[in-house]
Amino acid sequence: MINFKTFLKEQNQTTTEEDPFEGNETVKKLYGSLATAEHSLSSKDDPYSFNPKTYIRTKYDRNSTAYGPVQITYKTAKGFYDKNKNLFTGNEPYTQQFLQQGSKFLKAKKGDKQYDVGCVGDLCNQKYNTQYQKMASSVIKGKMKEAGLDPTKPIDQAGVEKFMDHWRYGLGSKKSTKALDKRYYDAFMGAYNR
């Protein structure tokens, strides 16, 4: 039998696990859907658990610094961090590490075993999973605001597609993920509507 003080200590340890999405189910679903679409995850894969196969620099574009489960670029992270530091409160050290890694990606020579396309960089480790998700959550909220969506409220199907198109092609683009990338669209929407 344990004493009351030990019981309280154990309870506190199990209930204080950090939620990188701060209880925001919309942002969490968008994150999971992006990770699924970016890495062609199956319905059996958990997009929120650490998976070393998703903590890589993109394999497909040597000019891109896209990294991690939702493939955030150096430029996107830096832009939001520079303009909206309040979104990153409490996660500044990790965000700085992410930006430093992105800078290394930009300078990497072809064939570099750590920073070239398809490589793991500095942050492919279970200990960074929550911090990456927290940073990604900040970027997702910023992207939602840019797309005219309220990150504190659920969004309808049209809002989900508007967010996805903005994430994929940028602000003001008239491109449609549904029309241009059926595989990505289907993977994203399948995960979002689960």
C-alpha atoms as a PDB file:
ATOM      1  CA  MET A   1       0.000   0.000   0.000  1.00  0.00           C
ATOM      2  CA  ILE A   2       1.296   3.501  -0.875  1.00  0.00           C
ATOM      3  CA  ASN A   3       0.912   6.568   1.268  1.00  0.00           C
ATOM      4  CA  PHE A   4      -1.253   9.528   0.223  1.00  0.00           C
ATOM      5  CA  LYS A   5       1.718  11.762  -0.657  1.00  0.00           C
ATOM      6  CA  THR A   6       3.123   9.116  -3.043  1.00  0.00           C
ATOM      7  CA  PHE A   7      -0.343   8.624  -4.562  1.00  0.00           C
ATOM      8  CA  LEU A   8      -0.665  12.352  -5.304  1.00  0.00           C
ATOM      9  CA  LYS A   9       2.815  12.460  -6.802  1.00  0.00           C
ATOM     10  CA  GLU A  10       2.021   9.523  -9.133  1.00  0.00           C
ATOM     11  CA  GLN A  11      -1.293  11.095 -10.153  1.00  0.00           C
ATOM     12  CA  ASN A  12       0.428  14.373 -10.977  1.00  0.00           C
ATOM     13  CA  GLN A  13       3.001  12.590 -13.151  1.00  0.00           C
ATOM     14  CA  THR A  14       0.343  10.824 -15.202  1.00  0.00           C
ATOM     15  CA  THR A  15      -1.949  13.816 -15.666  1.00  0.00           C
ATOM     16  CA  THR A  16       0.572  16.496 -16.589  1.00  0.00           C
ATOM     17  CA  GLU A  17       1.576  15.051 -19.949  1.00  0.00           C
ATOM     18  CA  GLU A  18       1.826  17.986 -22.307  1.00  0.00           C
ATOM     19  CA  ASP A  19      -0.769  18.306 -25.057  1.00  0.00           C
ATOM     20  CA  PRO A  20       1.015  19.956 -28.003  1.00  0.00           C
ATOM     21  CA  PHE A  21      -2.378  20.832 -29.499  1.00  0.00           C
ATOM     22  CA  GLU A  22      -3.654  22.455 -26.282  1.00  0.00           C
ATOM     23  CA  GLY A  23      -6.969  20.592 -26.533  1.00  0.00           C
ATOM     24  CA  ASN A  24      -7.688  22.000 -30.004  1.00  0.00           C
ATOM     25  CA  GLU A  25      -9.186  19.032 -31.845  1.00  0.00           C
ATOM     26  CA  THR A  26      -9.367  20.867 -35.189  1.00  0.00           C
ATOM     27  CA  VAL A  27      -5.639  21.649 -35.178  1.00  0.00           C
ATOM     28  CA  LYS A  28      -4.870  18.100 -34.022  1.00  0.00           C
ATOM     29  CA  LYS A  29      -6.949  16.610 -36.857  1.00  0.00           C
ATOM     30  CA  LEU A  30      -5.290  18.898 -39.395  1.00  0.00           C
ATOM     31  CA  TYR A  31      -1.852  17.843 -38.112  1.00  0.00           C
ATOM     32  CA  GLY A  32      -2.722  14.135 -38.340  1.00  0.00           C
ATOM     33  CA  SER A  33      -4.192  14.581 -41.806  1.00  0.00           C
ATOM     34  CA  LEU A  34      -1.145  16.469 -43.056  1.00  0.00           C
ATOM     35  CA  ALA A  35       1.232  13.835 -41.660  1.00  0.00           C
ATOM     36  CA  THR A  36      -0.832  11.091 -43.301  1.00  0.00           C
ATOM     37  CA  ALA A  37      -0.866  12.826 -46.683  1.00  0.00           C
ATOM     38  CA  GLU A  38       2.782  13.944 -46.602  1.00  0.00           C
ATOM     39  CA  HIS A  39       4.123  10.478 -45.806  1.00  0.00           C
ATOM     40  CA  SER A  40       1.441   8.206 -47.292  1.00  0.00           C
ATOM     41  CA  LEU A  41       0.713   6.750 -43.859  1.00  0.00           C
ATOM     42  CA  SER A  42      -1.734   3.862 -43.704  1.00  0.00           C
ATOM     43  CA  SER A  43      -4.843   3.904 -41.544  1.00  0.00           C
ATOM     44  CA  LYS A  44      -2.938   1.657 -39.102  1.00  0.00           C
ATOM     45  CA  ASP A  45      -0.167   4.238 -38.574  1.00  0.00           C
ATOM     46  CA  ASP A  46      -0.520   6.683 -35.701  1.00  0.00           C
ATOM     47  CA  PRO A  47       0.397  10.121 -37.097  1.00  0.00           C
ATOM     48  CA  TYR A  48       0.984  11.457 -33.568  1.00  0.00           C
ATOM     49  CA  SER A  49       3.510   8.865 -32.390  1.00  0.00           C
ATOM     50  CA  PHE A  50       7.202   9.288 -33.106  1.00  0.00           C
ATOM     51  CA  ASN A  51       8.079   7.607 -36.386  1.00  0.00           C
ATOM     52  CA  PRO A  52      11.677   8.017 -37.605  1.00  0.00           C
ATOM     53  CA  LYS A  53      10.498   7.525 -41.205  1.00  0.00           C
ATOM     54  CA  THR A  54       8.612  10.827 -41.006  1.00  0.00           C
ATOM     55  CA  TYR A  55      11.385  12.840 -39.356  1.00  0.00           C
ATOM     56  CA  ILE A  56      13.285  13.467 -42.561  1.00  0.00           C
ATOM     57  CA  ARG A  57      13.973  16.236 -45.006  1.00  0.00           C
ATOM     58  CA  THR A  58      11.817  15.858 -48.092  1.00  0.00           C
ATOM     59  CA  LYS A  59      13.147  13.305 -50.570  1.00  0.00           C
ATOM     60  CA  TYR A  60      11.724  14.964 -53.657  1.00  0.00           C
ATOM     61  CA  ASP A  61      13.051  18.501 -53.973  1.00  0.00           C
ATOM     62  CA  ARG A  62      16.680  19.429 -53.411  1.00  0.00           C
ATOM     63  CA  ASN A  63      15.683  23.082 -53.049  1.00  0.00           C
ATOM     64  CA  SER A  64      13.172  22.380 -50.288  1.00  0.00           C
ATOM     65  CA  THR A  65      13.899  22.357 -46.560  1.00  0.00           C
ATOM     66  CA  ALA A  66      10.563  20.673 -45.729  1.00  0.00           C
ATOM     67  CA  TYR A  67      11.057  18.507 -42.648  1.00  0.00           C
ATOM     68  CA  GLY A  68       9.182  16.242 -40.289  1.00  0.00           C
ATOM     69  CA  PRO A  69       5.753  14.665 -40.153  1.00  0.00           C
ATOM     70  CA  VAL A  70       3.951  17.667 -41.700  1.00  0.00           C
ATOM     71  CA  GLN A  71       6.923  18.826 -43.813  1.00  0.00           C
ATOM     72  CA  ILE A  72       7.350  22.385 -42.509  1.00  0.00           C
ATOM     73  CA  THR A  73       9.938  24.427 -44.382  1.00  0.00           C
ATOM     74  CA  TYR A  74      12.593  26.671 -42.886  1.00  0.00           C
ATOM     75  CA  LYS A  75      11.054  29.687 -44.648  1.00  0.00           C
ATOM     76  CA  THR A  76       7.550  28.996 -43.309  1.00  0.00           C
ATOM     77  CA  ALA A  77       8.711  28.402 -39.731  1.00  0.00           C
ATOM     78  CA  LYS A  78      10.966  31.466 -39.799  1.00  0.00           C
ATOM     79  CA  GLY A  79       8.241  33.668 -41.267  1.00  0.00           C
ATOM     80  CA  PHE A  80       5.710  32.737 -38.605  1.00  0.00           C
ATOM     81  CA  TYR A  81       8.286  32.836 -35.826  1.00  0.00           C
ATOM     82  CA  ASP A  82       9.544  36.293 -36.818  1.00  0.00           C
ATOM     83  CA  LYS A  83       6.059  37.780 -37.212  1.00  0.00           C
ATOM     84  CA  ASN A  84       4.092  35.873 -34.554  1.00  0.00           C
ATOM     85  CA  LYS A  85       6.461  34.918 -31.718  1.00  0.00           C
ATOM     86  CA  ASN A  86       3.469  34.711 -29.378  1.00  0.00           C
ATOM     87  CA  LEU A  87       2.344  31.555 -31.230  1.00  0.00           C
ATOM     88  CA  PHE A  88       5.587  29.855 -30.150  1.00  0.00           C
ATOM     89  CA  THR A  89       5.588  30.838 -26.465  1.00  0.00           C
ATOM     90  CA  GLY A  90       7.267  28.123 -24.427  1.00  0.00           C
ATOM     91  CA  ASN A  91       8.691  26.389 -27.493  1.00  0.00           C
ATOM     92  CA  GLU A  92      11.254  28.967 -28.600  1.00  0.00           C
ATOM     93  CA  PRO A  93      14.362  26.797 -27.965  1.00  0.00           C
ATOM     94  CA  TYR A  94      13.056  23.988 -30.173  1.00  0.00           C
ATOM     95  CA  THR A  95      11.940  26.427 -32.859  1.00  0.00           C
ATOM     96  CA  GLN A  96      15.449  27.905 -32.890  1.00  0.00           C
ATOM     97  CA  GLN A  97      16.911  24.390 -33.271  1.00  0.00           C
ATOM     98  CA  PHE A  98      14.495  23.750 -36.139  1.00  0.00           C
ATOM     99  CA  LEU A  99      15.598  26.966 -37.856  1.00  0.00           C
ATOM    100  CA  GLN A 100      19.290  26.139 -37.347  1.00  0.00           C
ATOM    101  CA  GLN A 101      18.681  22.725 -38.899  1.00  0.00           C
ATOM    102  CA  GLY A 102      16.886  24.362 -41.847  1.00  0.00           C
ATOM    103  CA  SER A 103      19.904  26.589 -42.394  1.00  0.00           C
ATOM    104  CA  LYS A 104      22.099  23.473 -42.510  1.00  0.00           C
ATOM    105  CA  PHE A 105      19.735  21.934 -45.081  1.00  0.00           C
ATOM    106  CA  LEU A 106      20.154  25.010 -47.287  1.00  0.00           C
ATOM    107  CA  LYS A 107      23.956  24.696 -47.154  1.00  0.00           C
ATOM    108  CA  ALA A 108      24.153  20.907 -47.498  1.00  0.00           C
ATOM    109  CA  LYS A 109      26.137  19.489 -50.356  1.00  0.00           C
ATOM    110  CA  LYS A 110      24.713  16.687 -52.458  1.00  0.00           C
ATOM    111  CA  GLY A 111      25.393  13.386 -50.731  1.00  0.00           C
ATOM    112  CA  ASP A 112      25.645  14.848 -47.216  1.00  0.00           C
ATOM    113  CA  LYS A 113      24.634  11.929 -44.971  1.00  0.00           C
ATOM    114  CA  GLN A 114      22.804  14.083 -42.409  1.00  0.00           C
ATOM    115  CA  TYR A 115      21.371  17.134 -44.189  1.00  0.00           C
ATOM    116  CA  ASP A 116      20.794  16.231 -47.859  1.00  0.00           C
ATOM    117  CA  VAL A 117      17.338  15.326 -49.178  1.00  0.00           C
ATOM    118  CA  GLY A 118      15.825  12.305 -47.446  1.00  0.00           C
ATOM    119  CA  CYS A 119      18.151  12.651 -44.452  1.00  0.00           C
ATOM    120  CA  VAL A 120      17.301  12.959 -40.748  1.00  0.00           C
ATOM    121  CA  GLY A 121      19.001  16.234 -39.834  1.00  0.00           C
ATOM    122  CA  ASP A 122      19.501  16.942 -36.124  1.00  0.00           C
ATOM    123  CA  LEU A 123      15.986  16.458 -34.772  1.00  0.00           C
ATOM    124  CA  CYS A 124      15.020  12.872 -35.613  1.00  0.00           C
ATOM    125  CA  ASN A 125      14.558  11.702 -32.049  1.00  0.00           C
ATOM    126  CA  GLN A 126      11.621  10.689 -29.869  1.00  0.00           C
ATOM    127  CA  LYS A 127      12.507  13.455 -27.401  1.00  0.00           C
ATOM    128  CA  TYR A 128      11.593  16.105 -30.007  1.00  0.00           C
ATOM    129  CA  ASN A 129       8.216  14.680 -31.057  1.00  0.00           C
ATOM    130  CA  THR A 130       6.055  16.793 -28.722  1.00  0.00           C
ATOM    131  CA  GLN A 131       8.090  19.921 -29.431  1.00  0.00           C
ATOM    132  CA  TYR A 132       7.760  19.406 -33.201  1.00  0.00           C
ATOM    133  CA  GLN A 133       4.008  18.928 -32.818  1.00  0.00           C
ATOM    134  CA  LYS A 134       3.781  22.058 -30.704  1.00  0.00           C
ATOM    135  CA  MET A 135       5.700  24.089 -33.314  1.00  0.00           C
ATOM    136  CA  ALA A 136       3.599  22.574 -36.117  1.00  0.00           C
ATOM    137  CA  SER A 137       0.449  23.449 -34.179  1.00  0.00           C
ATOM    138  CA  SER A 138       1.622  27.083 -34.093  1.00  0.00           C
ATOM    139  CA  VAL A 139       2.257  27.074 -37.845  1.00  0.00           C
ATOM    140  CA  ILE A 140      -1.108  25.408 -38.547  1.00  0.00           C
ATOM    141  CA  LYS A 141      -2.896  28.085 -36.509  1.00  0.00           C
ATOM    142  CA  GLY A 142      -1.010  30.770 -38.410  1.00  0.00           C
ATOM    143  CA  LYS A 143      -1.882  29.200 -41.764  1.00  0.00           C
ATOM    144  CA  MET A 144      -5.525  28.938 -40.714  1.00  0.00           C
ATOM    145  CA  LYS A 145      -5.602  32.638 -39.870  1.00  0.00           C
ATOM    146  CA  GLU A 146      -3.997  33.491 -43.222  1.00  0.00           C
ATOM    147  CA  ALA A 147      -6.699  31.462 -44.959  1.00  0.00           C
ATOM    148  CA  GLY A 148      -9.412  33.373 -43.095  1.00  0.00           C
ATOM    149  CA  LEU A 149     -10.258  30.507 -40.741  1.00  0.00           C
ATOM    150  CA  ASP A 150     -10.622  30.785 -36.972  1.00  0.00           C
ATOM    151  CA  PRO A 151      -8.227  28.298 -35.307  1.00  0.00           C
ATOM    152  CA  THR A 152     -10.343  28.300 -32.136  1.00  0.00           C
ATOM    153  CA  LYS A 153     -13.425  26.899 -33.913  1.00  0.00           C
ATOM    154  CA  PRO A 154     -14.261  23.724 -35.823  1.00  0.00           C
ATOM    155  CA  ILE A 155     -14.243  24.104 -39.601  1.00  0.00           C
ATOM    156  CA  ASP A 156     -16.577  22.700 -42.229  1.00  0.00           C
ATOM    157  CA  GLN A 157     -15.612  20.722 -45.354  1.00  0.00           C
ATOM    158  CA  ALA A 158     -15.077  23.897 -47.386  1.00  0.00           C
ATOM    159  CA  GLY A 159     -12.823  25.270 -44.636  1.00  0.00           C
ATOM    160  CA  VAL A 160     -10.802  22.064 -44.546  1.00  0.00           C
ATOM    161  CA  GLU A 161     -10.252  22.218 -48.314  1.00  0.00           C
ATOM    162  CA  LYS A 162      -9.389  25.929 -48.121  1.00  0.00           C
ATOM    163  CA  PHE A 163      -6.797  25.191 -45.433  1.00  0.00           C
ATOM    164  CA  MET A 164      -5.347  22.252 -47.381  1.00  0.00           C
ATOM    165  CA  ASP A 165      -5.031  24.273 -50.599  1.00  0.00           C
ATOM    166  CA  HIS A 166      -3.341  27.113 -48.705  1.00  0.00           C
ATOM    167  CA  TRP A 167      -0.965  24.679 -46.948  1.00  0.00           C
ATOM    168  CA  ARG A 168      -0.089  22.981 -50.223  1.00  0.00           C
ATOM    169  CA  TYR A 169       0.095  25.928 -52.633  1.00  0.00           C
ATOM    170  CA  GLY A 170       0.265  29.142 -50.608  1.00  0.00           C
ATOM    171  CA  LEU A 171      -1.807  32.172 -49.828  1.00  0.00           C
ATOM    172  CA  GLY A 172      -3.869  33.523 -52.685  1.00  0.00           C
ATOM    173  CA  SER A 173      -3.211  30.561 -54.953  1.00  0.00           C
ATOM    174  CA  LYS A 174      -6.149  29.461 -57.081  1.00  0.00           C
ATOM    175  CA  LYS A 175      -4.760  25.923 -57.264  1.00  0.00           C
ATOM    176  CA  SER A 176      -6.905  23.102 -55.941  1.00  0.00           C
ATOM    177  CA  THR A 177      -5.354  20.086 -54.246  1.00  0.00           C
ATOM    178  CA  LYS A 178      -8.464  18.114 -55.169  1.00  0.00           C
ATOM    179  CA  ALA A 179      -7.876  18.846 -58.871  1.00  0.00           C
ATOM    180  CA  LEU A 180      -4.062  18.693 -58.958  1.00  0.00           C
ATOM    181  CA  ASP A 181      -3.037  15.994 -56.482  1.00  0.00           C
ATOM    182  CA  LYS A 182      -5.681  13.322 -56.014  1.00  0.00           C
ATOM    183  CA  ARG A 183      -3.415  11.067 -53.940  1.00  0.00           C
ATOM    184  CA  TYR A 184      -2.629  13.842 -51.438  1.00  0.00           C
ATOM    185  CA  TYR A 185      -6.240  15.048 -51.349  1.00  0.00           C
ATOM    186  CA  ASP A 186      -7.648  11.554 -50.760  1.00  0.00           C
ATOM    187  CA  ALA A 187      -5.082  10.746 -48.055  1.00  0.00           C
ATOM    188  CA  PHE A 188      -5.666  14.059 -46.290  1.00  0.00           C
ATOM    189  CA  MET A 189      -9.462  13.937 -46.427  1.00  0.00           C
ATOM    190  CA  GLY A 190      -9.556  10.238 -45.522  1.00  0.00           C
ATOM    191  CA  ALA A 191      -7.540  10.952 -42.390  1.00  0.00           C
ATOM    192  CA  TYR A 192      -9.477  14.120 -41.540  1.00  0.00           C
ATOM    193  CA  ASN A 193     -12.875  12.417 -41.839  1.00  0.00           C
ATOM    194  CA  ARG A 194     -11.916   9.309 -39.831  1.00  0.00           C
END
